[in-house]
């Protein structure tokens, strides 16, 4: 058997193994970066097992679509709301406010009511509705 010396060298480079390596490195990089992302730590409140026997008044502040305010169904201005909440807090310091913001109103009106409650140091909560109701 004779070996031929006139064998031509390869004039092209096979890039398939190089691309395989690049894809493997890309997958490893994606997995490592997403695994290292950590979420925020949030301290959730724990429920109390004791039923509350104390009764404190609840004031409902509605922010209507036009931007007007209503306290327990009675239309009020922002200044009237502040004085009535101050009076209610003077009667019972543990009173709380439920804020019902209409979905069609401007968010700034709801934030103004929240700021007022924070200013008066009144306990408050936002009323939400279930989707589909």
C-alpha atoms as a PDB file:
ATOM      1  CA  UNK A   1       0.000   0.000   0.000  1.00  0.00           C
ATOM      2  CA  UNK A   2       1.190   3.378  -0.930  1.00  0.00           C
ATOM      3  CA  UNK A   3       0.591   6.613   0.927  1.00  0.00           C
ATOM      4  CA  UNK A   4      -0.051   9.556  -1.250  1.00  0.00           C
ATOM      5  CA  UNK A   5       1.859  12.670  -0.360  1.00  0.00           C
ATOM      6  CA  UNK A   6      -0.276  14.963  -2.468  1.00  0.00           C
ATOM      7  CA  UNK A   7      -3.107  15.142   0.135  1.00  0.00           C
ATOM      8  CA  UNK A   8      -4.527  18.648   0.236  1.00  0.00           C
ATOM      9  CA  UNK A   9      -4.687  20.447   3.560  1.00  0.00           C
ATOM     10  CA  UNK A  10      -8.086  21.622   4.783  1.00  0.00           C
ATOM     11  CA  UNK A  11      -8.821  25.086   3.477  1.00  0.00           C
ATOM     12  CA  UNK A  12     -11.888  25.678   5.756  1.00  0.00           C
ATOM     13  CA  UNK A  13     -12.306  25.508   9.522  1.00  0.00           C
ATOM     14  CA  UNK A  14     -15.187  23.514  10.994  1.00  0.00           C
ATOM     15  CA  UNK A  15     -16.987  26.007  13.295  1.00  0.00           C
ATOM     16  CA  UNK A  16     -19.606  23.581  14.637  1.00  0.00           C
ATOM     17  CA  UNK A  17     -17.635  22.597  17.768  1.00  0.00           C
ATOM     18  CA  UNK A  18     -16.854  26.260  18.417  1.00  0.00           C
ATOM     19  CA  UNK A  19     -20.548  27.179  18.207  1.00  0.00           C
ATOM     20  CA  UNK A  20     -21.459  24.289  20.505  1.00  0.00           C
ATOM     21  CA  UNK A  21     -19.021  25.612  23.071  1.00  0.00           C
ATOM     22  CA  UNK A  22     -20.383  29.156  22.703  1.00  0.00           C
ATOM     23  CA  UNK A  23     -23.971  27.964  23.248  1.00  0.00           C
ATOM     24  CA  UNK A  24     -22.988  25.946  26.320  1.00  0.00           C
ATOM     25  CA  UNK A  25     -21.177  28.959  27.773  1.00  0.00           C
ATOM     26  CA  UNK A  26     -24.199  31.165  27.033  1.00  0.00           C
ATOM     27  CA  UNK A  27     -26.559  28.768  28.809  1.00  0.00           C
ATOM     28  CA  UNK A  28     -24.242  28.509  31.821  1.00  0.00           C
ATOM     29  CA  UNK A  29     -23.933  32.304  31.971  1.00  0.00           C
ATOM     30  CA  UNK A  30     -27.734  32.778  31.841  1.00  0.00           C
ATOM     31  CA  UNK A  31     -28.324  30.167  34.531  1.00  0.00           C
ATOM     32  CA  UNK A  32     -25.696  31.612  36.847  1.00  0.00           C
ATOM     33  CA  UNK A  33     -26.913  35.206  36.536  1.00  0.00           C
ATOM     34  CA  UNK A  34     -30.567  34.338  37.122  1.00  0.00           C
ATOM     35  CA  UNK A  35     -29.683  32.087  40.061  1.00  0.00           C
ATOM     36  CA  UNK A  36     -27.766  34.865  41.774  1.00  0.00           C
ATOM     37  CA  UNK A  37     -30.650  37.375  41.638  1.00  0.00           C
ATOM     38  CA  UNK A  38     -32.168  37.617  45.077  1.00  0.00           C
ATOM     39  CA  UNK A  39     -35.576  38.958  45.967  1.00  0.00           C
ATOM     40  CA  UNK A  40     -36.479  41.607  48.490  1.00  0.00           C
ATOM     41  CA  UNK A  41     -36.805  40.598  52.085  1.00  0.00           C
ATOM     42  CA  UNK A  42     -40.219  41.571  53.400  1.00  0.00           C
ATOM     43  CA  UNK A  43     -41.355  41.107  56.977  1.00  0.00           C
ATOM     44  CA  UNK A  44     -44.974  40.056  56.732  1.00  0.00           C
ATOM     45  CA  UNK A  45     -47.268  40.749  59.677  1.00  0.00           C
ATOM     46  CA  UNK A  46     -48.243  37.749  61.722  1.00  0.00           C
ATOM     47  CA  UNK A  47     -51.909  37.168  62.562  1.00  0.00           C
ATOM     48  CA  UNK A  48     -52.966  37.390  66.149  1.00  0.00           C
ATOM     49  CA  UNK A  49     -54.748  34.404  67.603  1.00  0.00           C
ATOM     50  CA  UNK A  50     -56.625  36.575  70.071  1.00  0.00           C
ATOM     51  CA  UNK A  51     -59.982  37.856  68.889  1.00  0.00           C
ATOM     52  CA  UNK A  52     -60.288  41.571  69.332  1.00  0.00           C
ATOM     53  CA  UNK A  53     -63.036  42.584  71.718  1.00  0.00           C
ATOM     54  CA  UNK A  54     -62.316  46.281  71.408  1.00  0.00           C
ATOM     55  CA  UNK A  55     -64.622  48.262  69.166  1.00  0.00           C
ATOM     56  CA  UNK A  56     -63.250  51.391  67.568  1.00  0.00           C
ATOM     57  CA  UNK A  57     -64.990  53.600  65.017  1.00  0.00           C
ATOM     58  CA  UNK A  58     -64.245  53.159  61.343  1.00  0.00           C
ATOM     59  CA  UNK A  59     -64.549  56.115  58.995  1.00  0.00           C
ATOM     60  CA  UNK A  60     -64.915  55.362  55.289  1.00  0.00           C
ATOM     61  CA  UNK A  61     -63.437  57.962  52.935  1.00  0.00           C
ATOM     62  CA  UNK A  62     -64.523  57.578  49.319  1.00  0.00           C
ATOM     63  CA  UNK A  63     -62.667  59.241  46.464  1.00  0.00           C
ATOM     64  CA  UNK A  64     -65.301  59.547  43.744  1.00  0.00           C
ATOM     65  CA  UNK A  65     -64.557  59.540  39.984  1.00  0.00           C
ATOM     66  CA  UNK A  66     -64.879  63.333  39.754  1.00  0.00           C
ATOM     67  CA  UNK A  67     -62.236  63.704  42.469  1.00  0.00           C
ATOM     68  CA  UNK A  68     -64.687  64.716  45.181  1.00  0.00           C
ATOM     69  CA  UNK A  69     -64.516  63.199  48.642  1.00  0.00           C
ATOM     70  CA  UNK A  70     -67.192  61.599  50.784  1.00  0.00           C
ATOM     71  CA  UNK A  71     -66.889  60.714  54.471  1.00  0.00           C
ATOM     72  CA  UNK A  72     -69.284  57.908  55.380  1.00  0.00           C
ATOM     73  CA  UNK A  73     -71.369  58.821  52.330  1.00  0.00           C
ATOM     74  CA  UNK A  74     -71.523  62.573  53.049  1.00  0.00           C
ATOM     75  CA  UNK A  75     -69.694  64.831  50.543  1.00  0.00           C
ATOM     76  CA  UNK A  76     -66.867  66.825  52.153  1.00  0.00           C
ATOM     77  CA  UNK A  77     -63.965  68.980  51.062  1.00  0.00           C
ATOM     78  CA  UNK A  78     -60.379  68.199  51.990  1.00  0.00           C
ATOM     79  CA  UNK A  79     -60.419  70.822  54.782  1.00  0.00           C
ATOM     80  CA  UNK A  80     -63.695  69.447  56.194  1.00  0.00           C
ATOM     81  CA  UNK A  81     -62.284  65.928  56.019  1.00  0.00           C
ATOM     82  CA  UNK A  82     -59.262  67.006  58.030  1.00  0.00           C
ATOM     83  CA  UNK A  83     -61.334  68.653  60.776  1.00  0.00           C
ATOM     84  CA  UNK A  84     -63.765  65.709  61.009  1.00  0.00           C
ATOM     85  CA  UNK A  85     -60.938  63.201  61.227  1.00  0.00           C
ATOM     86  CA  UNK A  86     -59.253  65.303  63.916  1.00  0.00           C
ATOM     87  CA  UNK A  87     -62.523  65.376  65.873  1.00  0.00           C
ATOM     88  CA  UNK A  88     -62.981  61.624  65.506  1.00  0.00           C
ATOM     89  CA  UNK A  89     -59.405  60.997  66.653  1.00  0.00           C
ATOM     90  CA  UNK A  90     -59.946  63.268  69.661  1.00  0.00           C
ATOM     91  CA  UNK A  91     -62.974  61.137  70.641  1.00  0.00           C
ATOM     92  CA  UNK A  92     -61.159  57.805  70.124  1.00  0.00           C
ATOM     93  CA  UNK A  93     -57.416  57.722  69.468  1.00  0.00           C
ATOM     94  CA  UNK A  94     -57.612  54.194  68.009  1.00  0.00           C
ATOM     95  CA  UNK A  95     -60.117  55.048  65.289  1.00  0.00           C
ATOM     96  CA  UNK A  96     -59.238  53.954  61.774  1.00  0.00           C
ATOM     97  CA  UNK A  97     -59.974  55.076  58.234  1.00  0.00           C
ATOM     98  CA  UNK A  98     -60.818  52.936  55.210  1.00  0.00           C
ATOM     99  CA  UNK A  99     -59.994  54.636  51.899  1.00  0.00           C
ATOM    100  CA  UNK A 100     -62.055  53.594  48.882  1.00  0.00           C
ATOM    101  CA  UNK A 101     -60.595  55.011  45.692  1.00  0.00           C
ATOM    102  CA  UNK A 102     -62.640  54.656  42.524  1.00  0.00           C
ATOM    103  CA  UNK A 103     -60.723  53.141  39.617  1.00  0.00           C
ATOM    104  CA  UNK A 104     -61.691  56.058  37.365  1.00  0.00           C
ATOM    105  CA  UNK A 105     -60.399  58.803  39.663  1.00  0.00           C
ATOM    106  CA  UNK A 106     -56.985  60.417  39.550  1.00  0.00           C
ATOM    107  CA  UNK A 107     -54.476  58.668  41.756  1.00  0.00           C
ATOM    108  CA  UNK A 108     -53.263  61.998  43.156  1.00  0.00           C
ATOM    109  CA  UNK A 109     -56.567  62.435  45.031  1.00  0.00           C
ATOM    110  CA  UNK A 110     -56.138  59.069  46.760  1.00  0.00           C
ATOM    111  CA  UNK A 111     -52.532  59.936  47.646  1.00  0.00           C
ATOM    112  CA  UNK A 112     -53.713  63.258  49.127  1.00  0.00           C
ATOM    113  CA  UNK A 113     -56.089  61.385  51.450  1.00  0.00           C
ATOM    114  CA  UNK A 114     -53.315  58.947  52.416  1.00  0.00           C
ATOM    115  CA  UNK A 115     -50.996  61.886  53.151  1.00  0.00           C
ATOM    116  CA  UNK A 116     -53.701  63.486  55.299  1.00  0.00           C
ATOM    117  CA  UNK A 117     -54.112  60.288  57.322  1.00  0.00           C
ATOM    118  CA  UNK A 118     -50.347  60.059  57.774  1.00  0.00           C
ATOM    119  CA  UNK A 119     -50.231  63.684  58.883  1.00  0.00           C
ATOM    120  CA  UNK A 120     -52.971  63.087  61.458  1.00  0.00           C
ATOM    121  CA  UNK A 121     -51.323  59.788  62.496  1.00  0.00           C
ATOM    122  CA  UNK A 122     -54.542  57.881  61.905  1.00  0.00           C
ATOM    123  CA  UNK A 123     -54.582  54.143  61.260  1.00  0.00           C
ATOM    124  CA  UNK A 124     -55.737  53.552  57.692  1.00  0.00           C
ATOM    125  CA  UNK A 125     -56.286  50.888  55.093  1.00  0.00           C
ATOM    126  CA  UNK A 126     -57.059  50.770  51.396  1.00  0.00           C
ATOM    127  CA  UNK A 127     -60.263  49.036  50.333  1.00  0.00           C
ATOM    128  CA  UNK A 128     -59.920  46.780  47.302  1.00  0.00           C
ATOM    129  CA  UNK A 129     -62.435  44.701  45.416  1.00  0.00           C
ATOM    130  CA  UNK A 130     -62.022  41.239  44.002  1.00  0.00           C
ATOM    131  CA  UNK A 131     -61.571  40.989  40.282  1.00  0.00           C
ATOM    132  CA  UNK A 132     -64.895  40.167  38.666  1.00  0.00           C
ATOM    133  CA  UNK A 133     -67.099  41.827  41.306  1.00  0.00           C
END
